[in-house]
């Protein structure tokens, strides 16, 4: 029962953030990115993660990111704080450069193993 309530809550949140600037702004104002990140991390770390719930959480973040660079930066900062501190101290970045940095980093890690 609790899991279905959580799924419906994320579905509602996802739909509220689709193209609605006020709701997208509220996510930042009330620390929603950190909350969603916490839910995603706990679900991903659990045995038998709920992929539907993770997918909905990522969709919420995708909808929030459409509001602009400030929102995008908040999401990147939550998930990759060290990467931003090291590579983009002035907070001017592009998703392509972040993608390349992460891909190279993960590739190096895979080669070490």
PDB file of N, CA and C in Angstrom:
ATOM      1  N   UNK A   1       0.823  -1.199   0.000  1.00  0.00           N
ATOM      2  CA  UNK A   1       0.000   0.000   0.000  1.00  0.00           C
ATOM      3  C   UNK A   1       0.865   1.261   0.000  1.00  0.00           C
ATOM      4  N   UNK A   2       1.895   1.299   0.879  1.00  0.00           N
ATOM      5  CA  UNK A   2       2.748   2.480   0.973  1.00  0.00           C
ATOM      6  C   UNK A   2       3.489   2.731  -0.333  1.00  0.00           C
ATOM      7  N   UNK A   3       3.907   1.634  -0.983  1.00  0.00           N
ATOM      8  CA  UNK A   3       4.637   1.789  -2.235  1.00  0.00           C
ATOM      9  C   UNK A   3       3.736   2.363  -3.320  1.00  0.00           C
ATOM     10  N   UNK A   4       2.477   1.936  -3.378  1.00  0.00           N
ATOM     11  CA  UNK A   4       1.578   2.476  -4.401  1.00  0.00           C
ATOM     12  C   UNK A   4       1.294   3.959  -4.146  1.00  0.00           C
ATOM     13  N   UNK A   5       1.224   4.359  -2.885  1.00  0.00           N
ATOM     14  CA  UNK A   5       1.041   5.774  -2.562  1.00  0.00           C
ATOM     15  C   UNK A   5       2.255   6.569  -3.045  1.00  0.00           C
ATOM     16  N   UNK A   6       3.441   6.013  -2.849  1.00  0.00           N
ATOM     17  CA  UNK A   6       4.659   6.685  -3.290  1.00  0.00           C
ATOM     18  C   UNK A   6       4.693   6.795  -4.812  1.00  0.00           C
ATOM     19  N   UNK A   7       4.296   5.754  -5.501  1.00  0.00           N
ATOM     20  CA  UNK A   7       4.270   5.789  -6.967  1.00  0.00           C
ATOM     21  C   UNK A   7       3.284   6.842  -7.453  1.00  0.00           C
ATOM     22  N   UNK A   8       2.076   6.859  -6.885  1.00  0.00           N
ATOM     23  CA  UNK A   8       1.084   7.849  -7.300  1.00  0.00           C
ATOM     24  C   UNK A   8       1.541   9.267  -6.974  1.00  0.00           C
ATOM     25  N   UNK A   9       2.233   9.425  -5.859  1.00  0.00           N
ATOM     26  CA  UNK A   9       2.756  10.742  -5.498  1.00  0.00           C
ATOM     27  C   UNK A   9       3.777  11.212  -6.521  1.00  0.00           C
ATOM     28  N   UNK A  10       4.665  10.310  -6.934  1.00  0.00           N
ATOM     29  CA  UNK A  10       5.661  10.689  -7.939  1.00  0.00           C
ATOM     30  C   UNK A  10       5.014  10.945  -9.294  1.00  0.00           C
ATOM     31  N   UNK A  11       3.983  10.188  -9.635  1.00  0.00           N
ATOM     32  CA  UNK A  11       3.282  10.439 -10.898  1.00  0.00           C
ATOM     33  C   UNK A  11       2.656  11.825 -10.901  1.00  0.00           C
ATOM     34  N   UNK A  12       2.021  12.189  -9.804  1.00  0.00           N
ATOM     35  CA  UNK A  12       1.401  13.510  -9.698  1.00  0.00           C
ATOM     36  C   UNK A  12       2.472  14.591  -9.772  1.00  0.00           C
ATOM     37  N   UNK A  13       3.545  14.398  -9.025  1.00  0.00           N
ATOM     38  CA  UNK A  13       4.640  15.363  -9.028  1.00  0.00           C
ATOM     39  C   UNK A  13       5.232  15.505 -10.423  1.00  0.00           C
ATOM     40  N   UNK A  14       5.438  14.381 -11.094  1.00  0.00           N
ATOM     41  CA  UNK A  14       5.980  14.414 -12.461  1.00  0.00           C
ATOM     42  C   UNK A  14       5.084  15.241 -13.373  1.00  0.00           C
ATOM     43  N   UNK A  15       3.794  15.009 -13.302  1.00  0.00           N
ATOM     44  CA  UNK A  15       2.864  15.717 -14.174  1.00  0.00           C
ATOM     45  C   UNK A  15       2.748  17.198 -13.810  1.00  0.00           C
ATOM     46  N   UNK A  16       2.834  17.514 -12.518  1.00  0.00           N
ATOM     47  CA  UNK A  16       2.768  18.910 -12.098  1.00  0.00           C
ATOM     48  C   UNK A  16       3.981  19.704 -12.579  1.00  0.00           C
ATOM     49  N   UNK A  17       5.104  19.042 -12.743  1.00  0.00           N
ATOM     50  CA  UNK A  17       6.337  19.730 -13.150  1.00  0.00           C
ATOM     51  C   UNK A  17       6.518  19.788 -14.656  1.00  0.00           C
ATOM     52  N   UNK A  18       5.633  19.204 -15.407  1.00  0.00           N
ATOM     53  CA  UNK A  18       5.767  19.175 -16.868  1.00  0.00           C
ATOM     54  C   UNK A  18       5.369  20.529 -17.451  1.00  0.00           C
ATOM     55  N   UNK A  19       6.385  21.370 -17.676  1.00  0.00           N
ATOM     56  CA  UNK A  19       6.140  22.650 -18.328  1.00  0.00           C
ATOM     57  C   UNK A  19       5.510  23.716 -17.459  1.00  0.00           C
ATOM     58  N   UNK A  20       5.427  23.516 -16.176  1.00  0.00           N
ATOM     59  CA  UNK A  20       4.815  24.491 -15.268  1.00  0.00           C
ATOM     60  C   UNK A  20       5.904  25.160 -14.439  1.00  0.00           C
ATOM     61  N   UNK A  21       6.233  26.398 -14.794  1.00  0.00           N
ATOM     62  CA  UNK A  21       7.362  27.110 -14.179  1.00  0.00           C
ATOM     63  C   UNK A  21       7.210  27.258 -12.664  1.00  0.00           C
ATOM     64  N   UNK A  22       6.026  27.540 -12.194  1.00  0.00           N
ATOM     65  CA  UNK A  22       5.830  27.733 -10.747  1.00  0.00           C
ATOM     66  C   UNK A  22       6.131  26.444  -9.981  1.00  0.00           C
ATOM     67  N   UNK A  23       5.683  25.336 -10.504  1.00  0.00           N
ATOM     68  CA  UNK A  23       5.933  24.057  -9.830  1.00  0.00           C
ATOM     69  C   UNK A  23       7.399  23.655  -9.938  1.00  0.00           C
ATOM     70  N   UNK A  24       8.003  23.916 -11.073  1.00  0.00           N
ATOM     71  CA  UNK A  24       9.422  23.620 -11.238  1.00  0.00           C
ATOM     72  C   UNK A  24      10.249  24.450 -10.265  1.00  0.00           C
ATOM     73  N   UNK A  25       9.869  25.701 -10.066  1.00  0.00           N
ATOM     74  CA  UNK A  25      10.548  26.563  -9.117  1.00  0.00           C
ATOM     75  C   UNK A  25      10.358  26.099  -7.682  1.00  0.00           C
ATOM     76  N   UNK A  26       9.185  25.571  -7.379  1.00  0.00           N
ATOM     77  CA  UNK A  26       8.917  25.079  -6.028  1.00  0.00           C
ATOM     78  C   UNK A  26       9.808  23.897  -5.675  1.00  0.00           C
ATOM     79  N   UNK A  27      10.151  23.101  -6.655  1.00  0.00           N
ATOM     80  CA  UNK A  27      11.053  21.973  -6.408  1.00  0.00           C
ATOM     81  C   UNK A  27      12.384  22.490  -5.864  1.00  0.00           C
ATOM     82  N   UNK A  28      12.896  23.562  -6.457  1.00  0.00           N
ATOM     83  CA  UNK A  28      14.156  24.135  -5.960  1.00  0.00           C
ATOM     84  C   UNK A  28      13.955  24.803  -4.605  1.00  0.00           C
ATOM     85  N   UNK A  29      12.891  25.551  -4.481  1.00  0.00           N
ATOM     86  CA  UNK A  29      12.641  26.322  -3.264  1.00  0.00           C
ATOM     87  C   UNK A  29      12.515  25.442  -2.022  1.00  0.00           C
ATOM     88  N   UNK A  30      11.904  24.275  -2.177  1.00  0.00           N
ATOM     89  CA  UNK A  30      11.660  23.398  -1.034  1.00  0.00           C
ATOM     90  C   UNK A  30      12.591  22.190  -0.997  1.00  0.00           C
ATOM     91  N   UNK A  31      13.756  22.317  -1.647  1.00  0.00           N
ATOM     92  CA  UNK A  31      14.793  21.285  -1.613  1.00  0.00           C
ATOM     93  C   UNK A  31      14.319  19.947  -2.200  1.00  0.00           C
ATOM     94  N   UNK A  32      13.468  20.033  -3.194  1.00  0.00           N
ATOM     95  CA  UNK A  32      12.901  18.834  -3.798  1.00  0.00           C
ATOM     96  C   UNK A  32      13.898  17.960  -4.521  1.00  0.00           C
ATOM     97  N   UNK A  33      14.935  18.582  -5.091  1.00  0.00           N
ATOM     98  CA  UNK A  33      15.946  17.790  -5.804  1.00  0.00           C
ATOM     99  C   UNK A  33      16.645  16.851  -4.827  1.00  0.00           C
ATOM    100  N   UNK A  34      16.989  17.346  -3.645  1.00  0.00           N
ATOM    101  CA  UNK A  34      17.643  16.501  -2.630  1.00  0.00           C
ATOM    102  C   UNK A  34      16.703  15.409  -2.143  1.00  0.00           C
ATOM    103  N   UNK A  35      15.441  15.732  -1.999  1.00  0.00           N
ATOM    104  CA  UNK A  35      14.459  14.733  -1.545  1.00  0.00           C
ATOM    105  C   UNK A  35      14.302  13.634  -2.586  1.00  0.00           C
ATOM    106  N   UNK A  36      14.150  14.034  -3.838  1.00  0.00           N
ATOM    107  CA  UNK A  36      14.010  13.041  -4.914  1.00  0.00           C
ATOM    108  C   UNK A  36      15.288  12.217  -5.023  1.00  0.00           C
ATOM    109  N   UNK A  37      16.433  12.859  -4.895  1.00  0.00           N
ATOM    110  CA  UNK A  37      17.711  12.148  -4.920  1.00  0.00           C
ATOM    111  C   UNK A  37      17.775  11.102  -3.819  1.00  0.00           C
ATOM    112  N   UNK A  38      17.332  11.456  -2.635  1.00  0.00           N
ATOM    113  CA  UNK A  38      17.332  10.521  -1.510  1.00  0.00           C
ATOM    114  C   UNK A  38      16.444   9.305  -1.784  1.00  0.00           C
ATOM    115  N   UNK A  39      15.276   9.559  -2.350  1.00  0.00           N
ATOM    116  CA  UNK A  39      14.365   8.456  -2.697  1.00  0.00           C
ATOM    117  C   UNK A  39      15.006   7.566  -3.751  1.00  0.00           C
ATOM    118  N   UNK A  40      15.592   8.178  -4.780  1.00  0.00           N
ATOM    119  CA  UNK A  40      16.221   7.391  -5.845  1.00  0.00           C
ATOM    120  C   UNK A  40      17.371   6.546  -5.314  1.00  0.00           C
ATOM    121  N   UNK A  41      18.191   7.134  -4.474  1.00  0.00           N
ATOM    122  CA  UNK A  41      19.332   6.388  -3.933  1.00  0.00           C
ATOM    123  C   UNK A  41      18.887   5.245  -3.028  1.00  0.00           C
ATOM    124  N   UNK A  42      17.867   5.470  -2.230  1.00  0.00           N
ATOM    125  CA  UNK A  42      17.400   4.404  -1.340  1.00  0.00           C
ATOM    126  C   UNK A  42      16.761   3.271  -2.135  1.00  0.00           C
ATOM    127  N   UNK A  43      16.032   3.623  -3.190  1.00  0.00           N
ATOM    128  CA  UNK A  43      15.400   2.587  -4.017  1.00  0.00           C
ATOM    129  C   UNK A  43      16.438   1.821  -4.830  1.00  0.00           C
ATOM    130  N   UNK A  44      17.420   2.531  -5.358  1.00  0.00           N
ATOM    131  CA  UNK A  44      18.449   1.872  -6.170  1.00  0.00           C
ATOM    132  C   UNK A  44      19.317   0.954  -5.320  1.00  0.00           C
ATOM    133  N   UNK A  45      19.510   1.298  -4.052  1.00  0.00           N
ATOM    134  CA  UNK A  45      20.364   0.501  -3.173  1.00  0.00           C
ATOM    135  C   UNK A  45      19.635  -0.691  -2.557  1.00  0.00           C
ATOM    136  N   UNK A  46      18.317  -0.685  -2.620  1.00  0.00           N
ATOM    137  CA  UNK A  46      17.558  -1.773  -1.995  1.00  0.00           C
ATOM    138  C   UNK A  46      17.650  -3.040  -2.832  1.00  0.00           C
ATOM    139  N   UNK A  47      17.427  -4.160  -2.173  1.00  0.00           N
ATOM    140  CA  UNK A  47      17.417  -5.420  -2.921  1.00  0.00           C
ATOM    141  C   UNK A  47      16.133  -5.457  -3.742  1.00  0.00           C
ATOM    142  N   UNK A  48      16.277  -5.754  -4.997  1.00  0.00           N
ATOM    143  CA  UNK A  48      15.124  -5.762  -5.893  1.00  0.00           C
ATOM    144  C   UNK A  48      14.536  -4.375  -6.048  1.00  0.00           C
ATOM    145  N   UNK A  49      15.335  -3.406  -6.548  1.00  0.00           N
ATOM    146  CA  UNK A  49      14.849  -2.029  -6.631  1.00  0.00           C
ATOM    147  C   UNK A  49      13.606  -1.922  -7.503  1.00  0.00           C
ATOM    148  N   UNK A  50      12.759  -0.980  -7.158  1.00  0.00           N
ATOM    149  CA  UNK A  50      11.541  -0.722  -7.914  1.00  0.00           C
ATOM    150  C   UNK A  50      11.896   0.183  -9.092  1.00  0.00           C
ATOM    151  N   UNK A  51      12.070  -0.416 -10.247  1.00  0.00           N
ATOM    152  CA  UNK A  51      12.510   0.347 -11.416  1.00  0.00           C
ATOM    153  C   UNK A  51      11.469   1.364 -11.858  1.00  0.00           C
ATOM    154  N   UNK A  52      10.198   1.069 -11.636  1.00  0.00           N
ATOM    155  CA  UNK A  52       9.145   2.022 -11.989  1.00  0.00           C
ATOM    156  C   UNK A  52       9.257   3.285 -11.168  1.00  0.00           C
ATOM    157  N   UNK A  53       9.492   3.131  -9.881  1.00  0.00           N
ATOM    158  CA  UNK A  53       9.628   4.282  -8.993  1.00  0.00           C
ATOM    159  C   UNK A  53      10.865   5.099  -9.349  1.00  0.00           C
ATOM    160  N   UNK A  54      11.960   4.423  -9.653  1.00  0.00           N
ATOM    161  CA  UNK A  54      13.179   5.115 -10.067  1.00  0.00           C
ATOM    162  C   UNK A  54      12.934   5.869 -11.370  1.00  0.00           C
ATOM    163  N   UNK A  55      12.252   5.238 -12.305  1.00  0.00           N
ATOM    164  CA  UNK A  55      11.942   5.875 -13.591  1.00  0.00           C
ATOM    165  C   UNK A  55      11.104   7.138 -13.387  1.00  0.00           C
ATOM    166  N   UNK A  56      10.087   7.059 -12.526  1.00  0.00           N
ATOM    167  CA  UNK A  56       9.247   8.231 -12.282  1.00  0.00           C
ATOM    168  C   UNK A  56      10.051   9.352 -11.625  1.00  0.00           C
ATOM    169  N   UNK A  57      10.937   9.000 -10.705  1.00  0.00           N
ATOM    170  CA  UNK A  57      11.786  10.008 -10.069  1.00  0.00           C
ATOM    171  C   UNK A  57      12.674  10.716 -11.076  1.00  0.00           C
ATOM    172  N   UNK A  58      13.251   9.947 -11.988  1.00  0.00           N
ATOM    173  CA  UNK A  58      14.087  10.542 -13.034  1.00  0.00           C
ATOM    174  C   UNK A  58      13.261  11.415 -13.974  1.00  0.00           C
ATOM    175  N   UNK A  59      12.022  11.012 -14.233  1.00  0.00           N
ATOM    176  CA  UNK A  59      11.153  11.819 -15.081  1.00  0.00           C
ATOM    177  C   UNK A  59      10.798  13.145 -14.402  1.00  0.00           C
ATOM    178  N   UNK A  60      10.602  13.116 -13.087  1.00  0.00           N
ATOM    179  CA  UNK A  60      10.353  14.365 -12.354  1.00  0.00           C
ATOM    180  C   UNK A  60      11.544  15.295 -12.534  1.00  0.00           C
ATOM    181  N   UNK A  61      12.748  14.766 -12.321  1.00  0.00           N
ATOM    182  CA  UNK A  61      13.949  15.586 -12.465  1.00  0.00           C
ATOM    183  C   UNK A  61      14.107  16.097 -13.896  1.00  0.00           C
ATOM    184  N   UNK A  62      13.775  15.275 -14.870  1.00  0.00           N
ATOM    185  CA  UNK A  62      13.853  15.714 -16.271  1.00  0.00           C
ATOM    186  C   UNK A  62      12.901  16.880 -16.511  1.00  0.00           C
ATOM    187  N   UNK A  63      11.687  16.782 -15.980  1.00  0.00           N
ATOM    188  CA  UNK A  63      10.724  17.875 -16.142  1.00  0.00           C
ATOM    189  C   UNK A  63      11.199  19.144 -15.442  1.00  0.00           C
ATOM    190  N   UNK A  64      11.791  18.993 -14.287  1.00  0.00           N
ATOM    191  CA  UNK A  64      12.314  20.154 -13.559  1.00  0.00           C
ATOM    192  C   UNK A  64      13.461  20.785 -14.333  1.00  0.00           C
ATOM    193  N   UNK A  65      14.314  19.970 -14.939  1.00  0.00           N
ATOM    194  CA  UNK A  65      15.483  20.493 -15.662  1.00  0.00           C
ATOM    195  C   UNK A  65      15.086  21.348 -16.859  1.00  0.00           C
ATOM    196  N   UNK A  66      13.889  21.154 -17.368  1.00  0.00           N
ATOM    197  CA  UNK A  66      13.441  21.928 -18.522  1.00  0.00           C
ATOM    198  C   UNK A  66      13.225  23.402 -18.193  1.00  0.00           C
ATOM    199  N   UNK A  67      13.228  23.752 -16.910  1.00  0.00           N
ATOM    200  CA  UNK A  67      13.003  25.146 -16.505  1.00  0.00           C
ATOM    201  C   UNK A  67      14.221  26.030 -16.742  1.00  0.00           C
ATOM    202  N   UNK A  68      15.375  25.452 -17.006  1.00  0.00           N
ATOM    203  CA  UNK A  68      16.536  26.277 -17.334  1.00  0.00           C
ATOM    204  C   UNK A  68      17.804  25.878 -16.606  1.00  0.00           C
ATOM    205  N   UNK A  69      18.836  26.671 -16.840  1.00  0.00           N
ATOM    206  CA  UNK A  69      20.171  26.344 -16.326  1.00  0.00           C
ATOM    207  C   UNK A  69      20.232  26.269 -14.808  1.00  0.00           C
ATOM    208  N   UNK A  70      19.539  27.147 -14.109  1.00  0.00           N
ATOM    209  CA  UNK A  70      19.560  27.117 -12.644  1.00  0.00           C
ATOM    210  C   UNK A  70      19.029  25.789 -12.115  1.00  0.00           C
ATOM    211  N   UNK A  71      17.971  25.314 -12.714  1.00  0.00           N
ATOM    212  CA  UNK A  71      17.383  24.033 -12.319  1.00  0.00           C
ATOM    213  C   UNK A  71      18.300  22.873 -12.702  1.00  0.00           C
ATOM    214  N   UNK A  72      18.872  22.953 -13.891  1.00  0.00           N
ATOM    215  CA  UNK A  72      19.794  21.913 -14.341  1.00  0.00           C
ATOM    216  C   UNK A  72      21.000  21.831 -13.415  1.00  0.00           C
ATOM    217  N   UNK A  73      21.523  22.990 -13.046  1.00  0.00           N
ATOM    218  CA  UNK A  73      22.683  23.009 -12.163  1.00  0.00           C
ATOM    219  C   UNK A  73      22.342  22.404 -10.806  1.00  0.00           C
ATOM    220  N   UNK A  74      21.157  22.697 -10.283  1.00  0.00           N
ATOM    221  CA  UNK A  74      20.749  22.139  -8.986  1.00  0.00           C
ATOM    222  C   UNK A  74      20.730  20.611  -9.028  1.00  0.00           C
ATOM    223  N   UNK A  75      20.278  20.055 -10.133  1.00  0.00           N
ATOM    224  CA  UNK A  75      20.230  18.595 -10.277  1.00  0.00           C
ATOM    225  C   UNK A  75      21.643  18.038 -10.375  1.00  0.00           C
ATOM    226  N   UNK A  76      22.481  18.633 -11.226  1.00  0.00           N
ATOM    227  CA  UNK A  76      23.863  18.168 -11.349  1.00  0.00           C
ATOM    228  C   UNK A  76      24.602  18.294 -10.031  1.00  0.00           C
ATOM    229  N   UNK A  77      24.381  19.397  -9.335  1.00  0.00           N
ATOM    230  CA  UNK A  77      25.065  19.626  -8.060  1.00  0.00           C
ATOM    231  C   UNK A  77      24.682  18.565  -7.032  1.00  0.00           C
ATOM    232  N   UNK A  78      23.434  18.140  -7.050  1.00  0.00           N
ATOM    233  CA  UNK A  78      22.984  17.111  -6.100  1.00  0.00           C
ATOM    234  C   UNK A  78      23.606  15.753  -6.406  1.00  0.00           C
ATOM    235  N   UNK A  79      23.666  15.390  -7.676  1.00  0.00           N
ATOM    236  CA  UNK A  79      24.131  14.058  -8.041  1.00  0.00           C
ATOM    237  C   UNK A  79      25.641  13.974  -8.250  1.00  0.00           C
ATOM    238  N   UNK A  80      26.257  15.070  -8.669  1.00  0.00           N
ATOM    239  CA  UNK A  80      27.691  15.070  -8.964  1.00  0.00           C
ATOM    240  C   UNK A  80      28.383  16.294  -8.355  1.00  0.00           C
ATOM    241  N   UNK A  81      28.335  16.477  -7.041  1.00  0.00           N
ATOM    242  CA  UNK A  81      28.904  17.702  -6.446  1.00  0.00           C
ATOM    243  C   UNK A  81      30.410  17.830  -6.650  1.00  0.00           C
ATOM    244  N   UNK A  82      31.137  16.746  -6.565  1.00  0.00           N
ATOM    245  CA  UNK A  82      32.593  16.807  -6.714  1.00  0.00           C
ATOM    246  C   UNK A  82      32.964  17.162  -8.143  1.00  0.00           C
ATOM    247  N   UNK A  83      32.251  16.608  -9.097  1.00  0.00           N
ATOM    248  CA  UNK A  83      32.530  16.885 -10.507  1.00  0.00           C
ATOM    249  C   UNK A  83      32.372  18.381 -10.777  1.00  0.00           C
ATOM    250  N   UNK A  84      31.313  18.984 -10.265  1.00  0.00           N
ATOM    251  CA  UNK A  84      31.093  20.401 -10.506  1.00  0.00           C
ATOM    252  C   UNK A  84      32.146  21.249  -9.817  1.00  0.00           C
ATOM    253  N   UNK A  85      32.527  20.891  -8.611  1.00  0.00           N
ATOM    254  CA  UNK A  85      33.544  21.661  -7.895  1.00  0.00           C
ATOM    255  C   UNK A  85      34.875  21.628  -8.631  1.00  0.00           C
ATOM    256  N   UNK A  86      35.235  20.478  -9.173  1.00  0.00           N
ATOM    257  CA  UNK A  86      36.532  20.322  -9.811  1.00  0.00           C
ATOM    258  C   UNK A  86      36.543  20.901 -11.220  1.00  0.00           C
ATOM    259  N   UNK A  87      35.505  20.649 -11.981  1.00  0.00           N
ATOM    260  CA  UNK A  87      35.556  21.000 -13.399  1.00  0.00           C
ATOM    261  C   UNK A  87      34.879  22.321 -13.731  1.00  0.00           C
ATOM    262  N   UNK A  88      33.950  22.766 -12.922  1.00  0.00           N
ATOM    263  CA  UNK A  88      33.180  23.961 -13.270  1.00  0.00           C
ATOM    264  C   UNK A  88      32.958  24.855 -12.059  1.00  0.00           C
ATOM    265  N   UNK A  89      34.032  25.433 -11.521  1.00  0.00           N
ATOM    266  CA  UNK A  89      33.854  26.264 -10.330  1.00  0.00           C
ATOM    267  C   UNK A  89      33.006  27.503 -10.593  1.00  0.00           C
ATOM    268  N   UNK A  90      32.950  27.965 -11.833  1.00  0.00           N
ATOM    269  CA  UNK A  90      32.144  29.151 -12.128  1.00  0.00           C
ATOM    270  C   UNK A  90      30.704  28.792 -12.482  1.00  0.00           C
ATOM    271  N   UNK A  91      30.368  27.541 -12.415  1.00  0.00           N
ATOM    272  CA  UNK A  91      29.027  27.022 -12.674  1.00  0.00           C
ATOM    273  C   UNK A  91      28.590  27.207 -14.125  1.00  0.00           C
ATOM    274  N   UNK A  92      29.512  27.512 -15.024  1.00  0.00           N
ATOM    275  CA  UNK A  92      29.145  27.561 -16.434  1.00  0.00           C
ATOM    276  C   UNK A  92      29.556  26.223 -17.040  1.00  0.00           C
ATOM    277  N   UNK A  93      28.612  25.465 -17.438  1.00  0.00           N
ATOM    278  CA  UNK A  93      28.873  24.128 -17.944  1.00  0.00           C
ATOM    279  C   UNK A  93      27.823  23.782 -18.982  1.00  0.00           C
ATOM    280  N   UNK A  94      28.074  22.729 -19.688  1.00  0.00           N
ATOM    281  CA  UNK A  94      27.080  22.228 -20.623  1.00  0.00           C
ATOM    282  C   UNK A  94      26.838  20.762 -20.299  1.00  0.00           C
ATOM    283  N   UNK A  95      25.676  20.302 -20.647  1.00  0.00           N
ATOM    284  CA  UNK A  95      25.386  18.894 -20.396  1.00  0.00           C
ATOM    285  C   UNK A  95      26.314  18.001 -21.199  1.00  0.00           C
ATOM    286  N   UNK A  96      26.711  18.464 -22.396  1.00  0.00           N
ATOM    287  CA  UNK A  96      27.620  17.662 -23.200  1.00  0.00           C
ATOM    288  C   UNK A  96      28.955  17.499 -22.490  1.00  0.00           C
ATOM    289  N   UNK A  97      29.482  18.578 -21.916  1.00  0.00           N
ATOM    290  CA  UNK A  97      30.769  18.469 -21.227  1.00  0.00           C
ATOM    291  C   UNK A  97      30.650  17.590 -19.990  1.00  0.00           C
ATOM    292  N   UNK A  98      29.522  17.669 -19.290  1.00  0.00           N
ATOM    293  CA  UNK A  98      29.319  16.816 -18.124  1.00  0.00           C
ATOM    294  C   UNK A  98      29.201  15.349 -18.547  1.00  0.00           C
ATOM    295  N   UNK A  99      28.501  15.120 -19.636  1.00  0.00           N
ATOM    296  CA  UNK A  99      28.365  13.760 -20.147  1.00  0.00           C
ATOM    297  C   UNK A  99      29.740  13.197 -20.493  1.00  0.00           C
ATOM    298  N   UNK A 100      30.546  13.983 -21.200  1.00  0.00           N
ATOM    299  CA  UNK A 100      31.878  13.522 -21.588  1.00  0.00           C
ATOM    300  C   UNK A 100      32.741  13.235 -20.365  1.00  0.00           C
ATOM    301  N   UNK A 101      32.693  14.138 -19.383  1.00  0.00           N
ATOM    302  CA  UNK A 101      33.489  13.934 -18.175  1.00  0.00           C
ATOM    303  C   UNK A 101      33.079  12.646 -17.470  1.00  0.00           C
ATOM    304  N   UNK A 102      31.770  12.442 -17.305  1.00  0.00           N
ATOM    305  CA  UNK A 102      31.282  11.238 -16.623  1.00  0.00           C
ATOM    306  C   UNK A 102      31.610   9.984 -17.418  1.00  0.00           C
ATOM    307  N   UNK A 103      31.457  10.039 -18.742  1.00  0.00           N
ATOM    308  CA  UNK A 103      31.746   8.869 -19.567  1.00  0.00           C
ATOM    309  C   UNK A 103      33.214   8.491 -19.474  1.00  0.00           C
ATOM    310  N   UNK A 104      34.085   9.488 -19.522  1.00  0.00           N
ATOM    311  CA  UNK A 104      35.523   9.210 -19.424  1.00  0.00           C
ATOM    312  C   UNK A 104      35.868   8.656 -18.053  1.00  0.00           C
ATOM    313  N   UNK A 105      35.287   9.248 -17.006  1.00  0.00           N
ATOM    314  CA  UNK A 105      35.547   8.789 -15.640  1.00  0.00           C
ATOM    315  C   UNK A 105      35.103   7.345 -15.451  1.00  0.00           C
ATOM    316  N   UNK A 106      33.892   7.023 -15.916  1.00  0.00           N
ATOM    317  CA  UNK A 106      33.386   5.658 -15.769  1.00  0.00           C
ATOM    318  C   UNK A 106      34.196   4.675 -16.609  1.00  0.00           C
ATOM    319  N   UNK A 107      34.643   5.119 -17.779  1.00  0.00           N
ATOM    320  CA  UNK A 107      35.451   4.250 -18.629  1.00  0.00           C
ATOM    321  C   UNK A 107      36.780   3.934 -17.950  1.00  0.00           C
ATOM    322  N   UNK A 108      37.409   4.938 -17.331  1.00  0.00           N
ATOM    323  CA  UNK A 108      38.657   4.706 -16.618  1.00  0.00           C
ATOM    324  C   UNK A 108      38.450   3.742 -15.458  1.00  0.00           C
ATOM    325  N   UNK A 109      37.352   3.882 -14.735  1.00  0.00           N
ATOM    326  CA  UNK A 109      37.044   2.987 -13.620  1.00  0.00           C
ATOM    327  C   UNK A 109      36.861   1.553 -14.113  1.00  0.00           C
ATOM    328  N   UNK A 110      36.192   1.389 -15.244  1.00  0.00           N
ATOM    329  CA  UNK A 110      35.958   0.052 -15.797  1.00  0.00           C
ATOM    330  C   UNK A 110      37.268  -0.599 -16.216  1.00  0.00           C
ATOM    331  N   UNK A 111      38.178   0.199 -16.761  1.00  0.00           N
ATOM    332  CA  UNK A 111      39.462  -0.351 -17.182  1.00  0.00           C
ATOM    333  C   UNK A 111      40.334  -0.779 -16.003  1.00  0.00           C
ATOM    334  N   UNK A 112      40.179  -0.109 -14.870  1.00  0.00           N
ATOM    335  CA  UNK A 112      40.948  -0.460 -13.676  1.00  0.00           C
ATOM    336  C   UNK A 112      40.547  -1.814 -13.108  1.00  0.00           C
ATOM    337  N   UNK A 113      39.306  -2.194 -13.344  1.00  0.00           N
ATOM    338  CA  UNK A 113      38.803  -3.440 -12.766  1.00  0.00           C
ATOM    339  C   UNK A 113      39.141  -4.585 -13.606  1.00  0.00           C
TER     340      UNK A 113
END
